[in-house]
Amino acid sequence: DAVRIDVGYFAEIVKNAYKRPRPFIHDSSVIPCAKKPHNYSYLSGHSAMAYAMGTVLSKWDPKRKVAFMKRAD
């Protein structure tokens, strides 16, 4: 939970710095399959979480670092 909270916090800082609108703002043909988020698009919170967890798991099990980071990619 601590990693999730930290990643969310810093992802929002980057989102607010870049202010990249979500795709459905630019193109009305893009219809999200879930509730429309109200924050900015970039940096992807999902991508940030994948890399953070890959890093955390790599520190926990260094022998599997390549696998963890490949999965994050």
PDB file of N, CA and C in Angstrom:
ATOM      1  N   ASP A   1       0.817  -1.200   0.000  1.00  0.00           N
ATOM      2  CA  ASP A   1       0.000   0.000   0.000  1.00  0.00           C
ATOM      3  C   ASP A   1       0.859   1.263   0.000  1.00  0.00           C
ATOM      4  N   ALA A   2       1.973   1.216   0.728  1.00  0.00           N
ATOM      5  CA  ALA A   2       2.839   2.401   0.790  1.00  0.00           C
ATOM      6  C   ALA A   2       3.395   2.743  -0.592  1.00  0.00           C
ATOM      7  N   VAL A   3       3.784   1.721  -1.357  1.00  0.00           N
ATOM      8  CA  VAL A   3       4.301   1.965  -2.710  1.00  0.00           C
ATOM      9  C   VAL A   3       3.204   2.558  -3.579  1.00  0.00           C
ATOM     10  N   ARG A   4       2.008   1.990  -3.514  1.00  0.00           N
ATOM     11  CA  ARG A   4       0.880   2.492  -4.309  1.00  0.00           C
ATOM     12  C   ARG A   4       0.585   3.952  -3.994  1.00  0.00           C
ATOM     13  N   ILE A   5       0.589   4.287  -2.722  1.00  0.00           N
ATOM     14  CA  ILE A   5       0.312   5.668  -2.310  1.00  0.00           C
ATOM     15  C   ILE A   5       1.410   6.609  -2.801  1.00  0.00           C
ATOM     16  N   ASP A   6       2.657   6.196  -2.634  1.00  0.00           N
ATOM     17  CA  ASP A   6       3.776   7.043  -3.085  1.00  0.00           C
ATOM     18  C   ASP A   6       3.765   7.236  -4.594  1.00  0.00           C
ATOM     19  N   VAL A   7       3.549   6.148  -5.335  1.00  0.00           N
ATOM     20  CA  VAL A   7       3.521   6.254  -6.803  1.00  0.00           C
ATOM     21  C   VAL A   7       2.387   7.171  -7.234  1.00  0.00           C
ATOM     22  N   GLY A   8       1.218   7.013  -6.637  1.00  0.00           N
ATOM     23  CA  GLY A   8       0.088   7.879  -6.971  1.00  0.00           C
ATOM     24  C   GLY A   8       0.380   9.341  -6.707  1.00  0.00           C
ATOM     25  N   TYR A   9       1.017   9.603  -5.594  1.00  0.00           N
ATOM     26  CA  TYR A   9       1.357  10.984  -5.223  1.00  0.00           C
ATOM     27  C   TYR A   9       2.284  11.613  -6.269  1.00  0.00           C
ATOM     28  N   PHE A  10       3.367  10.915  -6.585  1.00  0.00           N
ATOM     29  CA  PHE A  10       4.340  11.479  -7.522  1.00  0.00           C
ATOM     30  C   PHE A  10       3.824  11.474  -8.962  1.00  0.00           C
ATOM     31  N   ALA A  11       3.015  10.499  -9.327  1.00  0.00           N
ATOM     32  CA  ALA A  11       2.431  10.493 -10.675  1.00  0.00           C
ATOM     33  C   ALA A  11       1.537  11.721 -10.867  1.00  0.00           C
ATOM     34  N   GLU A  12       0.785  12.081  -9.841  1.00  0.00           N
ATOM     35  CA  GLU A  12      -0.070  13.270  -9.940  1.00  0.00           C
ATOM     36  C   GLU A  12       0.758  14.541 -10.099  1.00  0.00           C
ATOM     37  N   ILE A  13       1.887  14.614  -9.434  1.00  0.00           N
ATOM     38  CA  ILE A  13       2.769  15.784  -9.590  1.00  0.00           C
ATOM     39  C   ILE A  13       3.211  15.909 -11.048  1.00  0.00           C
ATOM     40  N   VAL A  14       3.620  14.779 -11.638  1.00  0.00           N
ATOM     41  CA  VAL A  14       4.073  14.807 -13.034  1.00  0.00           C
ATOM     42  C   VAL A  14       2.898  15.107 -13.967  1.00  0.00           C
ATOM     43  N   LYS A  15       1.747  14.500 -13.725  1.00  0.00           N
ATOM     44  CA  LYS A  15       0.561  14.772 -14.537  1.00  0.00           C
ATOM     45  C   LYS A  15       0.249  16.267 -14.540  1.00  0.00           C
ATOM     46  N   ASN A  16       0.298  16.885 -13.369  1.00  0.00           N
ATOM     47  CA  ASN A  16      -0.015  18.311 -13.262  1.00  0.00           C
ATOM     48  C   ASN A  16       1.069  19.192 -13.862  1.00  0.00           C
ATOM     49  N   ALA A  17       2.285  18.698 -13.932  1.00  0.00           N
ATOM     50  CA  ALA A  17       3.360  19.468 -14.570  1.00  0.00           C
ATOM     51  C   ALA A  17       3.213  19.454 -16.094  1.00  0.00           C
ATOM     52  N   TYR A  18       2.887  18.285 -16.662  1.00  0.00           N
ATOM     53  CA  TYR A  18       2.775  18.163 -18.118  1.00  0.00           C
ATOM     54  C   TYR A  18       1.405  18.568 -18.650  1.00  0.00           C
ATOM     55  N   LYS A  19       0.366  18.382 -17.851  1.00  0.00           N
ATOM     56  CA  LYS A  19      -1.002  18.762 -18.211  1.00  0.00           C
ATOM     57  C   LYS A  19      -1.451  18.208 -19.564  1.00  0.00           C
ATOM     58  N   ARG A  20      -1.124  16.956 -19.821  1.00  0.00           N
ATOM     59  CA  ARG A  20      -1.524  16.333 -21.088  1.00  0.00           C
ATOM     60  C   ARG A  20      -2.959  15.825 -20.951  1.00  0.00           C
ATOM     61  N   PRO A  21      -3.874  16.352 -21.767  1.00  0.00           N
ATOM     62  CA  PRO A  21      -5.272  15.922 -21.681  1.00  0.00           C
ATOM     63  C   PRO A  21      -5.435  14.454 -22.068  1.00  0.00           C
ATOM     64  N   ARG A  22      -6.451  13.858 -21.543  1.00  0.00           N
ATOM     65  CA  ARG A  22      -6.761  12.467 -21.877  1.00  0.00           C
ATOM     66  C   ARG A  22      -7.260  12.388 -23.316  1.00  0.00           C
ATOM     67  N   PRO A  23      -7.069  11.224 -23.974  1.00  0.00           N
ATOM     68  CA  PRO A  23      -7.442  11.086 -25.391  1.00  0.00           C
ATOM     69  C   PRO A  23      -8.904  11.417 -25.690  1.00  0.00           C
ATOM     70  N   PHE A  24      -9.834  11.078 -24.803  1.00  0.00           N
ATOM     71  CA  PHE A  24     -11.243  11.339 -25.089  1.00  0.00           C
ATOM     72  C   PHE A  24     -11.571  12.829 -25.110  1.00  0.00           C
ATOM     73  N   ILE A  25     -10.666  13.667 -24.607  1.00  0.00           N
ATOM     74  CA  ILE A  25     -10.851  15.119 -24.679  1.00  0.00           C
ATOM     75  C   ILE A  25     -10.614  15.599 -26.113  1.00  0.00           C
ATOM     76  N   HIS A  26      -9.592  15.038 -26.777  1.00  0.00           N
ATOM     77  CA  HIS A  26      -9.233  15.444 -28.141  1.00  0.00           C
ATOM     78  C   HIS A  26     -10.072  14.766 -29.210  1.00  0.00           C
ATOM     79  N   ASP A  27     -10.518  13.564 -28.933  1.00  0.00           N
ATOM     80  CA  ASP A  27     -11.184  12.764 -29.961  1.00  0.00           C
ATOM     81  C   ASP A  27     -12.457  12.165 -29.377  1.00  0.00           C
ATOM     82  N   SER A  28     -13.577  12.685 -29.804  1.00  0.00           N
ATOM     83  CA  SER A  28     -14.862  12.241 -29.252  1.00  0.00           C
ATOM     84  C   SER A  28     -15.196  10.802 -29.627  1.00  0.00           C
ATOM     85  N   SER A  29     -14.466  10.222 -30.585  1.00  0.00           N
ATOM     86  CA  SER A  29     -14.719   8.824 -30.938  1.00  0.00           C
ATOM     87  C   SER A  29     -14.094   7.867 -29.916  1.00  0.00           C
ATOM     88  N   VAL A  30     -13.202   8.385 -29.069  1.00  0.00           N
ATOM     89  CA  VAL A  30     -12.606   7.568 -28.012  1.00  0.00           C
ATOM     90  C   VAL A  30     -13.573   7.567 -26.836  1.00  0.00           C
ATOM     91  N   ILE A  31     -14.106   6.402 -26.543  1.00  0.00           N
ATOM     92  CA  ILE A  31     -15.078   6.270 -25.467  1.00  0.00           C
ATOM     93  C   ILE A  31     -14.514   5.307 -24.429  1.00  0.00           C
ATOM     94  N   PRO A  32     -14.149   5.809 -23.259  1.00  0.00           N
ATOM     95  CA  PRO A  32     -13.591   4.935 -22.224  1.00  0.00           C
ATOM     96  C   PRO A  32     -14.598   3.867 -21.799  1.00  0.00           C
ATOM     97  N   CYS A  33     -14.092   2.692 -21.461  1.00  0.00           N
ATOM     98  CA  CYS A  33     -14.972   1.606 -21.031  1.00  0.00           C
ATOM     99  C   CYS A  33     -15.242   1.676 -19.526  1.00  0.00           C
ATOM    100  N   ALA A  34     -14.602   2.587 -18.850  1.00  0.00           N
ATOM    101  CA  ALA A  34     -14.807   2.786 -17.414  1.00  0.00           C
ATOM    102  C   ALA A  34     -15.133   4.258 -17.174  1.00  0.00           C
ATOM    103  N   LYS A  35     -15.340   4.602 -15.933  1.00  0.00           N
ATOM    104  CA  LYS A  35     -15.627   5.992 -15.582  1.00  0.00           C
ATOM    105  C   LYS A  35     -14.502   6.901 -16.084  1.00  0.00           C
ATOM    106  N   LYS A  36     -14.865   8.027 -16.668  1.00  0.00           N
ATOM    107  CA  LYS A  36     -13.858   8.956 -17.194  1.00  0.00           C
ATOM    108  C   LYS A  36     -13.086   9.594 -16.043  1.00  0.00           C
ATOM    109  N   PRO A  37     -11.753   9.449 -16.067  1.00  0.00           N
ATOM    110  CA  PRO A  37     -10.946  10.108 -15.040  1.00  0.00           C
ATOM    111  C   PRO A  37     -10.946  11.620 -15.238  1.00  0.00           C
ATOM    112  N   HIS A  38     -10.754  12.348 -14.182  1.00  0.00           N
ATOM    113  CA  HIS A  38     -10.751  13.813 -14.258  1.00  0.00           C
ATOM    114  C   HIS A  38      -9.347  14.407 -14.178  1.00  0.00           C
ATOM    115  N   ASN A  39      -8.345  13.541 -14.039  1.00  0.00           N
ATOM    116  CA  ASN A  39      -6.978  14.060 -13.992  1.00  0.00           C
ATOM    117  C   ASN A  39      -6.353  13.976 -15.388  1.00  0.00           C
ATOM    118  N   TYR A  40      -5.107  14.422 -15.498  1.00  0.00           N
ATOM    119  CA  TYR A  40      -4.422  14.418 -16.785  1.00  0.00           C
ATOM    120  C   TYR A  40      -3.951  13.019 -17.158  1.00  0.00           C
ATOM    121  N   SER A  41      -3.563  12.885 -18.419  1.00  0.00           N
ATOM    122  CA  SER A  41      -3.226  11.585 -18.991  1.00  0.00           C
ATOM    123  C   SER A  41      -1.805  11.124 -18.676  1.00  0.00           C
ATOM    124  N   TYR A  42      -0.828  11.995 -18.843  1.00  0.00           N
ATOM    125  CA  TYR A  42       0.584  11.611 -18.686  1.00  0.00           C
ATOM    126  C   TYR A  42       1.065  12.114 -17.348  1.00  0.00           C
ATOM    127  N   LEU A  43       1.685  11.410 -16.707  1.00  0.00           N
ATOM    128  CA  LEU A  43       2.344  10.121 -16.725  1.00  0.00           C
ATOM    129  C   LEU A  43       1.339   9.034 -16.388  1.00  0.00           C
ATOM    130  N   SER A  44       1.418   7.908 -17.064  1.00  0.00           N
ATOM    131  CA  SER A  44       0.493   6.814 -16.792  1.00  0.00           C
ATOM    132  C   SER A  44       0.721   6.269 -15.383  1.00  0.00           C
ATOM    133  N   GLY A  45      -0.299   6.321 -14.583  1.00  0.00           N
ATOM    134  CA  GLY A  45      -0.211   5.765 -13.235  1.00  0.00           C
ATOM    135  C   GLY A  45       0.035   4.264 -13.266  1.00  0.00           C
ATOM    136  N   HIS A  46      -0.556   3.568 -14.256  1.00  0.00           N
ATOM    137  CA  HIS A  46      -0.358   2.126 -14.356  1.00  0.00           C
ATOM    138  C   HIS A  46       1.098   1.796 -14.708  1.00  0.00           C
ATOM    139  N   SER A  47       1.671   2.547 -15.632  1.00  0.00           N
ATOM    140  CA  SER A  47       3.073   2.314 -15.996  1.00  0.00           C
ATOM    141  C   SER A  47       4.003   2.645 -14.835  1.00  0.00           C
ATOM    142  N   ALA A  48       3.731   3.741 -14.162  1.00  0.00           N
ATOM    143  CA  ALA A  48       4.556   4.123 -13.011  1.00  0.00           C
ATOM    144  C   ALA A  48       4.504   3.040 -11.940  1.00  0.00           C
ATOM    145  N   MET A  49       3.312   2.484 -11.692  1.00  0.00           N
ATOM    146  CA  MET A  49       3.169   1.433 -10.697  1.00  0.00           C
ATOM    147  C   MET A  49       3.919   0.173 -11.119  1.00  0.00           C
ATOM    148  N   ALA A  50       3.846  -0.186 -12.394  1.00  0.00           N
ATOM    149  CA  ALA A  50       4.544  -1.376 -12.882  1.00  0.00           C
ATOM    150  C   ALA A  50       6.047  -1.255 -12.648  1.00  0.00           C
ATOM    151  N   TYR A  51       6.612  -0.105 -12.969  1.00  0.00           N
ATOM    152  CA  TYR A  51       8.050   0.078 -12.773  1.00  0.00           C
ATOM    153  C   TYR A  51       8.427   0.153 -11.300  1.00  0.00           C
ATOM    154  N   ALA A  52       7.607   0.785 -10.513  1.00  0.00           N
ATOM    155  CA  ALA A  52       7.887   0.853  -9.073  1.00  0.00           C
ATOM    156  C   ALA A  52       7.861  -0.537  -8.460  1.00  0.00           C
ATOM    157  N   MET A  53       6.847  -1.321  -8.807  1.00  0.00           N
ATOM    158  CA  MET A  53       6.760  -2.669  -8.249  1.00  0.00           C
ATOM    159  C   MET A  53       7.879  -3.563  -8.777  1.00  0.00           C
ATOM    160  N   GLY A  54       8.252  -3.392 -10.034  1.00  0.00           N
ATOM    161  CA  GLY A  54       9.388  -4.133 -10.573  1.00  0.00           C
ATOM    162  C   GLY A  54      10.660  -3.829  -9.796  1.00  0.00           C
ATOM    163  N   THR A  55      10.838  -2.567  -9.462  1.00  0.00           N
ATOM    164  CA  THR A  55      12.012  -2.156  -8.693  1.00  0.00           C
ATOM    165  C   THR A  55      11.974  -2.714  -7.271  1.00  0.00           C
ATOM    166  N   VAL A  56      10.829  -2.617  -6.631  1.00  0.00           N
ATOM    167  CA  VAL A  56      10.686  -3.129  -5.267  1.00  0.00           C
ATOM    168  C   VAL A  56      10.909  -4.643  -5.234  1.00  0.00           C
ATOM    169  N   LEU A  57      10.277  -5.352  -6.149  1.00  0.00           N
ATOM    170  CA  LEU A  57      10.436  -6.808  -6.178  1.00  0.00           C
ATOM    171  C   LEU A  57      11.864  -7.209  -6.518  1.00  0.00           C
ATOM    172  N   SER A  58      12.539  -6.424  -7.341  1.00  0.00           N
ATOM    173  CA  SER A  58      13.935  -6.704  -7.690  1.00  0.00           C
ATOM    174  C   SER A  58      14.857  -6.568  -6.486  1.00  0.00           C
ATOM    175  N   LYS A  59      14.547  -5.641  -5.604  1.00  0.00           N
ATOM    176  CA  LYS A  59      15.345  -5.494  -4.385  1.00  0.00           C
ATOM    177  C   LYS A  59      15.077  -6.655  -3.428  1.00  0.00           C
ATOM    178  N   TRP A  60      13.863  -7.170  -3.458  1.00  0.00           N
ATOM    179  CA  TRP A  60      13.474  -8.283  -2.603  1.00  0.00           C
ATOM    180  C   TRP A  60      14.071  -9.589  -3.107  1.00  0.00           C
ATOM    181  N   ASP A  61      14.126  -9.745  -4.447  1.00  0.00           N
ATOM    182  CA  ASP A  61      14.637 -10.964  -5.074  1.00  0.00           C
ATOM    183  C   ASP A  61      15.504 -10.589  -6.273  1.00  0.00           C
ATOM    184  N   PRO A  62      16.746 -10.158  -6.021  1.00  0.00           N
ATOM    185  CA  PRO A  62      17.613  -9.641  -7.086  1.00  0.00           C
ATOM    186  C   PRO A  62      17.859 -10.613  -8.239  1.00  0.00           C
ATOM    187  N   LYS A  63      17.805 -11.907  -7.977  1.00  0.00           N
ATOM    188  CA  LYS A  63      18.043 -12.886  -9.039  1.00  0.00           C
ATOM    189  C   LYS A  63      16.971 -12.829 -10.122  1.00  0.00           C
ATOM    190  N   ARG A  64      15.816 -12.302  -9.795  1.00  0.00           N
ATOM    191  CA  ARG A  64      14.706 -12.236 -10.753  1.00  0.00           C
ATOM    192  C   ARG A  64      14.486 -10.827 -11.302  1.00  0.00           C
ATOM    193  N   LYS A  65      15.482  -9.941 -11.111  1.00  0.00           N
ATOM    194  CA  LYS A  65      15.335  -8.558 -11.552  1.00  0.00           C
ATOM    195  C   LYS A  65      14.989  -8.444 -13.030  1.00  0.00           C
ATOM    196  N   VAL A  66      15.689  -9.194 -13.869  1.00  0.00           N
ATOM    197  CA  VAL A  66      15.433  -9.102 -15.310  1.00  0.00           C
ATOM    198  C   VAL A  66      13.983  -9.480 -15.609  1.00  0.00           C
ATOM    199  N   ALA A  67      13.483 -10.524 -14.983  1.00  0.00           N
ATOM    200  CA  ALA A  67      12.086 -10.960 -15.209  1.00  0.00           C
ATOM    201  C   ALA A  67      11.104  -9.904 -14.725  1.00  0.00           C
ATOM    202  N   PHE A  68      11.369  -9.344 -13.531  1.00  0.00           N
ATOM    203  CA  PHE A  68      10.461  -8.334 -12.997  1.00  0.00           C
ATOM    204  C   PHE A  68      10.407  -7.104 -13.895  1.00  0.00           C
ATOM    205  N   MET A  69      11.567  -6.652 -14.341  1.00  0.00           N
ATOM    206  CA  MET A  69      11.596  -5.439 -15.149  1.00  0.00           C
ATOM    207  C   MET A  69      11.067  -5.695 -16.567  1.00  0.00           C
ATOM    208  N   LYS A  70      11.266  -6.903 -17.061  1.00  0.00           N
ATOM    209  CA  LYS A  70      10.679  -7.268 -18.350  1.00  0.00           C
ATOM    210  C   LYS A  70       9.161  -7.228 -18.254  1.00  0.00           C
ATOM    211  N   ARG A  71       8.624  -7.706 -17.149  1.00  0.00           N
ATOM    212  CA  ARG A  71       7.173  -7.672 -16.949  1.00  0.00           C
ATOM    213  C   ARG A  71       6.694  -6.229 -16.848  1.00  0.00           C
ATOM    214  N   ALA A  72       7.477  -5.371 -16.180  1.00  0.00           N
ATOM    215  CA  ALA A  72       7.112  -3.951 -16.078  1.00  0.00           C
ATOM    216  C   ALA A  72       7.067  -3.308 -17.471  1.00  0.00           C
ATOM    217  N   ASP A  73       8.023  -3.688 -18.326  1.00  0.00           N
ATOM    218  CA  ASP A  73       8.018  -3.171 -19.701  1.00  0.00           C
ATOM    219  C   ASP A  73       6.758  -3.558 -20.429  1.00  0.00           C
TER     220      ASP A  73
END
